[in-house]
N, C-alpha and C. Protein backbone atom coordinates (compact mmCIF):
# COMPACT_ATOMS: atom_id res chain seq x y z
N UNK A 1 -10.76 23.38 -3.12
CA UNK A 1 -10.79 23.00 -4.53
C UNK A 1 -9.50 23.51 -5.19
N UNK A 2 -8.97 22.69 -6.10
CA UNK A 2 -7.74 23.02 -6.80
C UNK A 2 -7.94 24.12 -7.85
N UNK A 3 -7.06 25.07 -7.86
CA UNK A 3 -7.04 26.11 -8.88
C UNK A 3 -5.64 26.11 -9.48
N UNK A 4 -5.55 26.21 -10.77
CA UNK A 4 -4.26 26.19 -11.48
C UNK A 4 -3.24 27.16 -10.94
N UNK A 5 -3.71 28.33 -10.51
CA UNK A 5 -2.75 29.36 -10.05
C UNK A 5 -2.15 29.03 -8.66
N UNK A 6 -2.76 28.11 -7.91
CA UNK A 6 -2.19 27.77 -6.59
C UNK A 6 -1.74 26.32 -6.58
N UNK A 7 -0.98 25.93 -7.61
CA UNK A 7 -0.51 24.55 -7.73
C UNK A 7 0.21 24.13 -6.46
N UNK A 8 -0.20 23.03 -5.83
CA UNK A 8 0.41 22.61 -4.56
C UNK A 8 1.84 22.13 -4.78
N UNK A 9 2.66 22.35 -3.76
CA UNK A 9 4.04 21.90 -3.76
C UNK A 9 4.17 20.81 -2.71
N UNK A 10 4.30 19.55 -3.18
CA UNK A 10 4.28 18.42 -2.28
C UNK A 10 5.64 18.00 -1.76
N UNK A 11 6.71 18.21 -2.53
CA UNK A 11 8.04 17.76 -2.09
C UNK A 11 8.44 18.29 -0.76
N UNK A 12 8.25 19.59 -0.44
CA UNK A 12 8.61 20.05 0.88
C UNK A 12 7.83 19.31 2.00
N UNK A 13 6.62 18.93 1.73
CA UNK A 13 5.83 18.22 2.74
C UNK A 13 6.41 16.85 3.09
N UNK A 14 6.91 16.14 2.10
CA UNK A 14 7.39 14.78 2.38
C UNK A 14 8.79 14.77 3.00
N UNK A 15 9.38 15.92 3.16
CA UNK A 15 10.65 16.01 3.86
C UNK A 15 10.41 16.18 5.38
N UNK A 16 9.17 16.38 5.75
CA UNK A 16 8.82 16.54 7.16
C UNK A 16 8.48 15.18 7.78
N UNK A 17 8.27 15.20 9.07
CA UNK A 17 7.87 13.95 9.76
C UNK A 17 6.46 13.57 9.34
N UNK A 18 6.22 12.30 8.97
CA UNK A 18 4.89 11.90 8.54
C UNK A 18 3.91 11.87 9.72
N UNK A 19 2.61 12.00 9.42
CA UNK A 19 1.58 11.90 10.45
C UNK A 19 1.37 10.44 10.89
N UNK A 20 1.72 9.50 9.98
CA UNK A 20 1.61 8.07 10.30
C UNK A 20 2.56 7.30 9.37
N UNK A 21 2.88 6.08 9.74
CA UNK A 21 3.77 5.26 8.95
C UNK A 21 3.50 3.78 9.24
N UNK A 22 3.98 2.93 8.37
CA UNK A 22 3.92 1.47 8.57
C UNK A 22 5.22 0.89 8.11
N UNK A 23 5.74 -0.04 8.90
CA UNK A 23 6.92 -0.82 8.51
C UNK A 23 6.44 -2.19 8.14
N UNK A 24 6.65 -2.58 6.89
CA UNK A 24 6.20 -3.85 6.37
C UNK A 24 7.35 -4.86 6.41
N UNK A 25 6.96 -6.11 6.70
CA UNK A 25 7.89 -7.21 6.70
C UNK A 25 7.27 -8.35 5.89
N UNK A 26 8.13 -9.10 5.19
CA UNK A 26 7.65 -10.21 4.38
C UNK A 26 7.26 -11.38 5.23
N UNK A 27 6.43 -12.27 4.65
CA UNK A 27 6.02 -13.49 5.32
C UNK A 27 7.15 -14.53 5.25
N UNK A 28 6.93 -15.74 5.76
CA UNK A 28 7.99 -16.74 5.82
C UNK A 28 8.51 -17.14 4.44
N UNK A 29 7.71 -16.96 3.39
CA UNK A 29 8.12 -17.29 2.03
C UNK A 29 8.92 -16.15 1.38
N UNK A 30 8.80 -14.94 1.93
CA UNK A 30 9.48 -13.75 1.42
C UNK A 30 10.13 -13.00 2.61
N UNK A 31 11.03 -13.65 3.32
CA UNK A 31 11.59 -13.07 4.56
C UNK A 31 12.48 -11.83 4.32
N UNK A 32 12.93 -11.60 3.12
CA UNK A 32 13.82 -10.46 2.85
C UNK A 32 13.09 -9.16 2.53
N UNK A 33 11.77 -9.24 2.35
CA UNK A 33 11.05 -8.02 2.05
C UNK A 33 10.96 -7.12 3.25
N UNK A 34 11.31 -5.86 3.04
CA UNK A 34 11.17 -4.81 4.03
C UNK A 34 10.57 -3.60 3.32
N UNK A 35 9.67 -2.93 4.01
CA UNK A 35 9.06 -1.75 3.41
C UNK A 35 8.78 -0.68 4.43
N UNK A 36 8.75 0.54 3.97
CA UNK A 36 8.44 1.66 4.81
C UNK A 36 7.41 2.50 4.07
N UNK A 37 6.24 2.69 4.65
CA UNK A 37 5.18 3.49 4.01
C UNK A 37 4.87 4.66 4.93
N UNK A 38 4.98 5.87 4.39
CA UNK A 38 4.73 7.07 5.18
C UNK A 38 3.50 7.79 4.65
N UNK A 39 2.69 8.37 5.58
CA UNK A 39 1.44 9.02 5.24
C UNK A 39 1.48 10.46 5.73
N UNK A 40 1.16 11.39 4.83
CA UNK A 40 1.13 12.83 5.14
C UNK A 40 -0.26 13.38 4.76
N UNK A 41 -0.89 14.00 5.69
CA UNK A 41 -2.21 14.61 5.41
C UNK A 41 -2.00 16.03 4.87
N UNK A 42 -2.67 16.34 3.79
CA UNK A 42 -2.66 17.71 3.22
C UNK A 42 -4.09 18.13 3.01
N UNK A 43 -4.28 19.37 2.66
CA UNK A 43 -5.65 19.82 2.39
C UNK A 43 -6.19 19.23 1.11
N UNK A 44 -5.33 18.71 0.26
CA UNK A 44 -5.74 18.07 -1.00
C UNK A 44 -6.03 16.59 -0.86
N UNK A 45 -5.55 15.98 0.20
CA UNK A 45 -5.69 14.55 0.41
C UNK A 45 -4.47 14.01 1.12
N UNK A 46 -4.36 12.71 1.16
CA UNK A 46 -3.19 12.07 1.79
C UNK A 46 -2.14 11.76 0.77
N UNK A 47 -0.88 12.08 1.11
CA UNK A 47 0.27 11.68 0.33
C UNK A 47 0.79 10.38 0.89
N UNK A 48 1.01 9.40 0.05
CA UNK A 48 1.53 8.10 0.46
C UNK A 48 2.86 7.90 -0.22
N UNK A 49 3.92 7.70 0.58
CA UNK A 49 5.26 7.48 0.06
C UNK A 49 5.75 6.13 0.55
N UNK A 50 6.17 5.28 -0.38
CA UNK A 50 6.60 3.94 0.01
C UNK A 50 7.96 3.59 -0.59
N UNK A 51 8.72 2.82 0.18
CA UNK A 51 10.02 2.29 -0.26
C UNK A 51 10.08 0.84 0.15
N UNK A 52 10.56 -0.01 -0.77
CA UNK A 52 10.67 -1.43 -0.50
C UNK A 52 12.03 -1.97 -0.92
N UNK A 53 12.51 -3.00 -0.22
CA UNK A 53 13.69 -3.72 -0.61
C UNK A 53 13.40 -5.20 -0.42
N UNK A 54 14.26 -6.05 -0.99
CA UNK A 54 14.11 -7.48 -0.88
C UNK A 54 12.93 -8.05 -1.66
N UNK A 55 12.45 -7.32 -2.64
CA UNK A 55 11.33 -7.79 -3.44
C UNK A 55 11.76 -8.94 -4.36
N UNK A 56 10.82 -9.83 -4.67
CA UNK A 56 11.15 -10.89 -5.65
C UNK A 56 11.53 -10.24 -6.99
N UNK A 57 12.50 -10.89 -7.63
CA UNK A 57 13.00 -10.38 -8.92
C UNK A 57 12.73 -11.41 -10.03
N UNK A 58 12.63 -10.90 -11.23
CA UNK A 58 12.42 -11.76 -12.40
C UNK A 58 13.51 -11.38 -13.41
N UNK A 59 14.15 -12.37 -14.01
CA UNK A 59 15.24 -12.09 -14.94
C UNK A 59 14.77 -12.06 -16.39
N UNK A 60 13.56 -12.47 -16.67
CA UNK A 60 13.04 -12.44 -18.04
C UNK A 60 12.70 -11.00 -18.44
N UNK A 61 12.95 -10.65 -19.70
CA UNK A 61 12.56 -9.32 -20.16
C UNK A 61 11.04 -9.31 -20.29
N UNK A 62 10.50 -8.12 -20.18
CA UNK A 62 9.03 -7.93 -20.26
C UNK A 62 8.28 -8.60 -19.13
N UNK A 63 8.91 -8.88 -18.01
CA UNK A 63 8.25 -9.52 -16.88
C UNK A 63 8.59 -8.85 -15.56
N UNK A 64 8.91 -7.56 -15.58
CA UNK A 64 9.23 -6.88 -14.33
C UNK A 64 8.11 -7.07 -13.33
N UNK A 65 8.41 -7.39 -12.09
CA UNK A 65 7.33 -7.67 -11.12
C UNK A 65 6.52 -6.44 -10.75
N UNK A 66 5.21 -6.64 -10.67
CA UNK A 66 4.26 -5.63 -10.25
C UNK A 66 3.48 -6.21 -9.10
N UNK A 67 3.32 -5.44 -8.02
CA UNK A 67 2.73 -5.93 -6.78
C UNK A 67 1.46 -5.12 -6.45
N UNK A 68 0.39 -5.82 -6.09
CA UNK A 68 -0.81 -5.16 -5.57
C UNK A 68 -0.46 -4.49 -4.22
N UNK A 69 -1.11 -3.38 -3.92
CA UNK A 69 -0.78 -2.57 -2.74
C UNK A 69 -2.06 -1.98 -2.21
N UNK A 70 -2.40 -2.35 -0.97
CA UNK A 70 -3.71 -1.95 -0.40
C UNK A 70 -3.61 -1.67 1.09
N UNK A 71 -4.57 -0.86 1.55
CA UNK A 71 -4.81 -0.78 2.99
C UNK A 71 -5.95 -1.77 3.25
N UNK A 72 -5.75 -2.57 4.29
CA UNK A 72 -6.76 -3.57 4.65
C UNK A 72 -7.41 -3.18 5.98
N UNK A 73 -8.61 -3.76 6.26
CA UNK A 73 -9.39 -3.41 7.42
C UNK A 73 -8.82 -3.89 8.76
N UNK A 74 -8.05 -4.98 8.74
CA UNK A 74 -7.56 -5.58 9.98
C UNK A 74 -6.57 -4.67 10.72
N UNK A 75 -6.33 -5.04 11.98
CA UNK A 75 -5.43 -4.22 12.78
C UNK A 75 -4.20 -4.98 13.27
N UNK A 76 -3.94 -6.19 12.67
CA UNK A 76 -2.67 -6.86 12.99
C UNK A 76 -2.31 -7.77 11.82
N UNK A 77 -1.05 -8.19 11.80
CA UNK A 77 -0.52 -8.98 10.68
C UNK A 77 -0.45 -10.47 11.02
N UNK A 78 -1.16 -10.89 12.01
CA UNK A 78 -1.14 -12.31 12.37
C UNK A 78 -1.82 -13.14 11.30
N UNK A 79 -1.62 -14.44 11.40
CA UNK A 79 -2.21 -15.38 10.44
C UNK A 79 -1.80 -16.79 10.76
N UNK A 80 -1.87 -17.64 9.77
CA UNK A 80 -1.50 -19.04 9.92
C UNK A 80 -0.41 -19.36 8.87
N UNK A 81 0.26 -20.51 9.00
CA UNK A 81 1.26 -20.86 7.97
C UNK A 81 0.59 -20.99 6.58
N UNK A 82 -0.64 -21.45 6.57
CA UNK A 82 -1.35 -21.58 5.29
C UNK A 82 -1.83 -20.24 4.74
N UNK A 83 -2.16 -19.30 5.65
CA UNK A 83 -2.68 -17.99 5.27
C UNK A 83 -1.95 -16.89 6.02
N UNK A 84 -0.67 -16.63 5.64
CA UNK A 84 0.02 -15.53 6.31
C UNK A 84 -0.75 -14.22 6.20
N UNK A 85 -0.75 -13.48 7.28
CA UNK A 85 -1.42 -12.16 7.35
C UNK A 85 -2.93 -12.23 7.20
N UNK A 86 -3.56 -13.36 7.49
CA UNK A 86 -5.00 -13.48 7.36
C UNK A 86 -5.75 -12.48 8.23
N UNK A 87 -5.14 -12.08 9.37
CA UNK A 87 -5.81 -11.12 10.25
C UNK A 87 -5.89 -9.72 9.67
N UNK A 88 -5.17 -9.49 8.57
CA UNK A 88 -5.29 -8.18 7.90
C UNK A 88 -6.66 -8.02 7.27
N UNK A 89 -7.35 -9.11 7.08
CA UNK A 89 -8.73 -9.10 6.54
C UNK A 89 -8.79 -8.57 5.11
N UNK A 90 -9.88 -7.88 4.76
CA UNK A 90 -10.13 -7.44 3.39
C UNK A 90 -9.73 -5.99 3.20
N UNK A 91 -9.86 -5.50 1.99
CA UNK A 91 -9.55 -4.11 1.70
C UNK A 91 -10.39 -3.15 2.55
N UNK A 92 -9.77 -2.09 2.98
CA UNK A 92 -10.46 -1.02 3.72
C UNK A 92 -11.48 -0.38 2.80
N UNK A 93 -12.78 -0.47 3.18
CA UNK A 93 -13.87 -0.08 2.30
C UNK A 93 -15.06 0.44 3.12
N UNK A 94 -14.90 1.54 3.85
CA UNK A 94 -15.97 2.00 4.74
C UNK A 94 -17.25 2.43 4.01
N UNK A 95 -17.18 2.76 2.74
CA UNK A 95 -18.35 3.21 1.99
C UNK A 95 -19.02 2.11 1.19
N UNK A 96 -18.50 0.87 1.25
CA UNK A 96 -19.10 -0.24 0.55
C UNK A 96 -19.00 -0.16 -0.97
N UNK A 97 -17.95 0.48 -1.45
CA UNK A 97 -17.76 0.64 -2.90
C UNK A 97 -17.29 -0.67 -3.56
N UNK A 98 -17.53 -0.76 -4.85
CA UNK A 98 -17.02 -1.90 -5.64
C UNK A 98 -15.53 -1.63 -5.92
N UNK A 99 -14.80 -2.73 -6.08
CA UNK A 99 -13.40 -2.66 -6.44
C UNK A 99 -13.32 -2.10 -7.86
N UNK A 100 -12.45 -1.21 -8.22
CA UNK A 100 -11.31 -0.69 -7.49
C UNK A 100 -11.53 0.64 -6.81
N UNK A 101 -12.71 0.88 -6.33
CA UNK A 101 -13.05 2.17 -5.67
C UNK A 101 -13.05 2.08 -4.17
N UNK A 102 -12.54 1.00 -3.58
CA UNK A 102 -12.38 0.91 -2.13
C UNK A 102 -11.46 2.03 -1.67
N UNK A 103 -11.70 2.53 -0.49
CA UNK A 103 -10.82 3.54 0.05
C UNK A 103 -9.35 3.03 0.15
N UNK A 104 -9.20 1.75 0.39
CA UNK A 104 -7.86 1.15 0.55
C UNK A 104 -7.21 0.72 -0.75
N UNK A 105 -7.82 0.88 -1.88
CA UNK A 105 -7.18 0.51 -3.14
C UNK A 105 -6.17 1.58 -3.54
N UNK A 106 -4.94 1.16 -3.72
CA UNK A 106 -3.86 2.11 -4.06
C UNK A 106 -3.16 1.66 -5.34
N UNK A 107 -2.40 2.53 -5.96
CA UNK A 107 -1.68 2.17 -7.21
C UNK A 107 -0.70 1.00 -6.95
N UNK A 108 -0.42 0.21 -7.95
CA UNK A 108 0.50 -0.91 -7.77
C UNK A 108 1.91 -0.42 -7.51
N UNK A 109 2.72 -1.34 -6.97
CA UNK A 109 4.14 -1.10 -6.75
C UNK A 109 4.92 -1.80 -7.86
N UNK A 110 5.78 -1.04 -8.56
CA UNK A 110 6.59 -1.62 -9.65
C UNK A 110 7.98 -1.91 -9.11
N UNK A 111 8.34 -3.18 -9.13
CA UNK A 111 9.67 -3.58 -8.66
C UNK A 111 10.74 -3.28 -9.68
N UNK A 112 11.93 -2.94 -9.20
CA UNK A 112 13.07 -2.66 -10.08
C UNK A 112 14.34 -3.25 -9.42
N UNK A 113 14.76 -4.42 -9.85
CA UNK A 113 15.94 -5.05 -9.30
C UNK A 113 15.82 -5.28 -7.79
N UNK A 114 14.64 -5.66 -7.33
CA UNK A 114 14.44 -5.97 -5.94
C UNK A 114 14.07 -4.84 -5.03
N UNK A 115 13.99 -3.61 -5.57
CA UNK A 115 13.60 -2.46 -4.79
C UNK A 115 12.44 -1.75 -5.47
N UNK A 116 11.81 -0.82 -4.75
CA UNK A 116 10.71 -0.03 -5.34
C UNK A 116 10.55 1.28 -4.56
N UNK A 117 10.06 2.25 -5.25
CA UNK A 117 9.69 3.56 -4.64
C UNK A 117 8.41 4.01 -5.31
N UNK A 118 7.52 4.61 -4.49
CA UNK A 118 6.27 5.13 -5.00
C UNK A 118 5.84 6.33 -4.17
N UNK A 119 5.21 7.29 -4.82
CA UNK A 119 4.63 8.43 -4.12
C UNK A 119 3.38 8.85 -4.87
N UNK A 120 2.29 9.05 -4.17
CA UNK A 120 1.04 9.49 -4.84
C UNK A 120 0.18 10.24 -3.86
N UNK A 121 -0.80 10.91 -4.41
CA UNK A 121 -1.80 11.66 -3.64
C UNK A 121 -3.14 10.96 -3.81
N UNK A 122 -3.90 10.79 -2.70
CA UNK A 122 -5.19 10.19 -2.77
C UNK A 122 -6.16 10.95 -1.85
N UNK A 123 -7.42 11.03 -2.32
CA UNK A 123 -8.46 11.60 -1.49
C UNK A 123 -9.46 10.57 -1.03
N UNK A 124 -9.06 9.29 -1.10
CA UNK A 124 -9.95 8.18 -0.72
C UNK A 124 -10.00 7.97 0.79
N UNK A 125 -9.01 8.48 1.51
CA UNK A 125 -9.01 8.37 2.97
C UNK A 125 -8.24 9.52 3.55
N UNK A 126 -8.48 9.77 4.84
CA UNK A 126 -7.69 10.69 5.62
C UNK A 126 -6.72 9.86 6.44
N UNK A 127 -5.57 10.39 6.73
CA UNK A 127 -4.56 9.63 7.49
C UNK A 127 -5.14 9.13 8.82
N UNK A 128 -5.86 9.98 9.54
CA UNK A 128 -6.40 9.56 10.84
C UNK A 128 -7.36 8.37 10.75
N UNK A 129 -7.97 8.13 9.58
CA UNK A 129 -8.90 7.03 9.41
C UNK A 129 -8.18 5.66 9.29
N UNK A 130 -6.93 5.68 8.91
CA UNK A 130 -6.25 4.43 8.65
C UNK A 130 -5.28 4.01 9.74
N UNK A 131 -5.07 4.86 10.72
CA UNK A 131 -4.17 4.49 11.83
C UNK A 131 -4.72 3.27 12.53
N UNK A 132 -3.84 2.27 12.73
CA UNK A 132 -4.26 1.01 13.31
C UNK A 132 -4.66 -0.05 12.31
N UNK A 133 -4.80 0.31 11.06
CA UNK A 133 -5.15 -0.65 10.01
C UNK A 133 -3.84 -1.18 9.39
N UNK A 134 -3.98 -2.18 8.54
CA UNK A 134 -2.85 -2.85 7.92
C UNK A 134 -2.61 -2.37 6.49
N UNK A 135 -1.34 -2.40 6.10
CA UNK A 135 -0.93 -2.14 4.73
C UNK A 135 -0.38 -3.49 4.21
N UNK A 136 -0.84 -3.88 3.03
CA UNK A 136 -0.46 -5.18 2.47
C UNK A 136 0.17 -5.01 1.10
N UNK A 137 1.25 -5.77 0.87
CA UNK A 137 1.84 -5.91 -0.45
C UNK A 137 1.48 -7.32 -0.92
N UNK A 138 0.93 -7.41 -2.14
CA UNK A 138 0.53 -8.71 -2.71
C UNK A 138 1.54 -9.18 -3.75
N UNK A 139 1.52 -10.47 -4.07
CA UNK A 139 2.50 -11.01 -5.02
C UNK A 139 2.13 -10.89 -6.46
N UNK A 140 0.99 -10.30 -6.77
CA UNK A 140 0.55 -10.13 -8.16
C UNK A 140 -0.04 -8.74 -8.33
N UNK A 141 -0.07 -8.22 -9.55
CA UNK A 141 -0.67 -6.91 -9.73
C UNK A 141 -2.20 -7.00 -9.59
N UNK A 142 -2.76 -5.94 -9.09
CA UNK A 142 -4.20 -5.78 -8.99
C UNK A 142 -4.72 -5.59 -10.42
N UNK A 143 -5.74 -6.32 -10.82
CA UNK A 143 -6.30 -6.17 -12.19
C UNK A 143 -7.35 -5.07 -12.29
N UNK A 144 -7.68 -4.44 -11.15
CA UNK A 144 -8.66 -3.34 -11.09
C UNK A 144 -10.04 -3.71 -11.61
N UNK A 145 -10.33 -5.01 -11.71
CA UNK A 145 -11.61 -5.45 -12.24
C UNK A 145 -12.26 -6.52 -11.38
N UNK A 146 -11.53 -7.59 -11.09
CA UNK A 146 -12.08 -8.74 -10.39
C UNK A 146 -12.63 -8.34 -9.03
N UNK A 147 -13.82 -8.81 -8.72
CA UNK A 147 -14.47 -8.55 -7.43
C UNK A 147 -14.17 -9.70 -6.49
N UNK A 148 -13.97 -9.48 -5.24
CA UNK A 148 -14.05 -8.17 -4.59
C UNK A 148 -12.69 -7.48 -4.43
N UNK A 149 -11.58 -8.12 -4.83
CA UNK A 149 -10.31 -7.54 -4.45
C UNK A 149 -9.24 -7.44 -5.54
N UNK A 150 -9.60 -7.59 -6.78
CA UNK A 150 -8.65 -7.34 -7.86
C UNK A 150 -7.71 -8.51 -8.20
N UNK A 151 -7.95 -9.69 -7.64
CA UNK A 151 -7.14 -10.86 -7.97
C UNK A 151 -5.65 -10.56 -7.80
N UNK A 152 -5.29 -9.89 -6.72
CA UNK A 152 -3.91 -9.45 -6.52
C UNK A 152 -3.00 -10.53 -5.91
N UNK A 153 -3.53 -11.71 -5.70
CA UNK A 153 -2.69 -12.79 -5.21
C UNK A 153 -2.46 -12.80 -3.71
N UNK A 154 -1.45 -13.55 -3.32
CA UNK A 154 -1.17 -13.77 -1.87
C UNK A 154 -0.60 -12.51 -1.25
N UNK A 155 -0.84 -12.42 0.05
CA UNK A 155 -0.25 -11.33 0.86
C UNK A 155 1.16 -11.68 1.20
N UNK A 156 2.13 -10.92 0.72
CA UNK A 156 3.54 -11.29 0.93
C UNK A 156 4.25 -10.40 1.93
N UNK A 157 3.70 -9.22 2.25
CA UNK A 157 4.29 -8.35 3.27
C UNK A 157 3.17 -7.58 3.92
N UNK A 158 3.39 -7.25 5.20
CA UNK A 158 2.35 -6.60 5.98
C UNK A 158 2.97 -5.66 7.03
N UNK A 159 2.26 -4.61 7.32
CA UNK A 159 2.63 -3.70 8.40
C UNK A 159 1.38 -2.98 8.93
N UNK A 160 1.45 -2.55 10.17
CA UNK A 160 0.34 -1.82 10.81
C UNK A 160 0.65 -0.32 10.76
N UNK A 161 -0.34 0.49 10.40
CA UNK A 161 -0.17 1.94 10.38
C UNK A 161 -0.12 2.49 11.79
N UNK A 162 0.94 3.19 12.13
CA UNK A 162 1.15 3.75 13.46
C UNK A 162 1.33 5.25 13.41
N UNK A 163 1.16 5.92 14.55
CA UNK A 163 1.46 7.36 14.65
C UNK A 163 2.84 7.53 15.23
């Protein structure tokens, strides 16, 4: 349990080798997307650090792109031309929770001139539970309301979590 006097220091942890990682690649419509997601297990939960490049850009003001970001149940990024990454399946949800309380629901990714960086702490999963599962970047922001998956749009990049 967290106590104010023992505030955790996370930055030194993310300078170490991660316990797991995923390399994401864009589908045929977004071939320039590349991403690296690293997972670190701590006693407080899992730290997730992600970096992306080649993201779609928008030139209009007040329209910076926001992308849904989830761990999915599938264990490969295969699919069809009509449904890229269909084998990633649905959000990782071992407890049968309603959206946005799935274990695989993560904060959105905010694009900035085609790149993005994110780091957060979650207690929704342990790193060892997600090894072999897929990480998906969607083309729309998760609305955190629509069932069952937040209306986050098409899957535009995928990677498998590895050790």
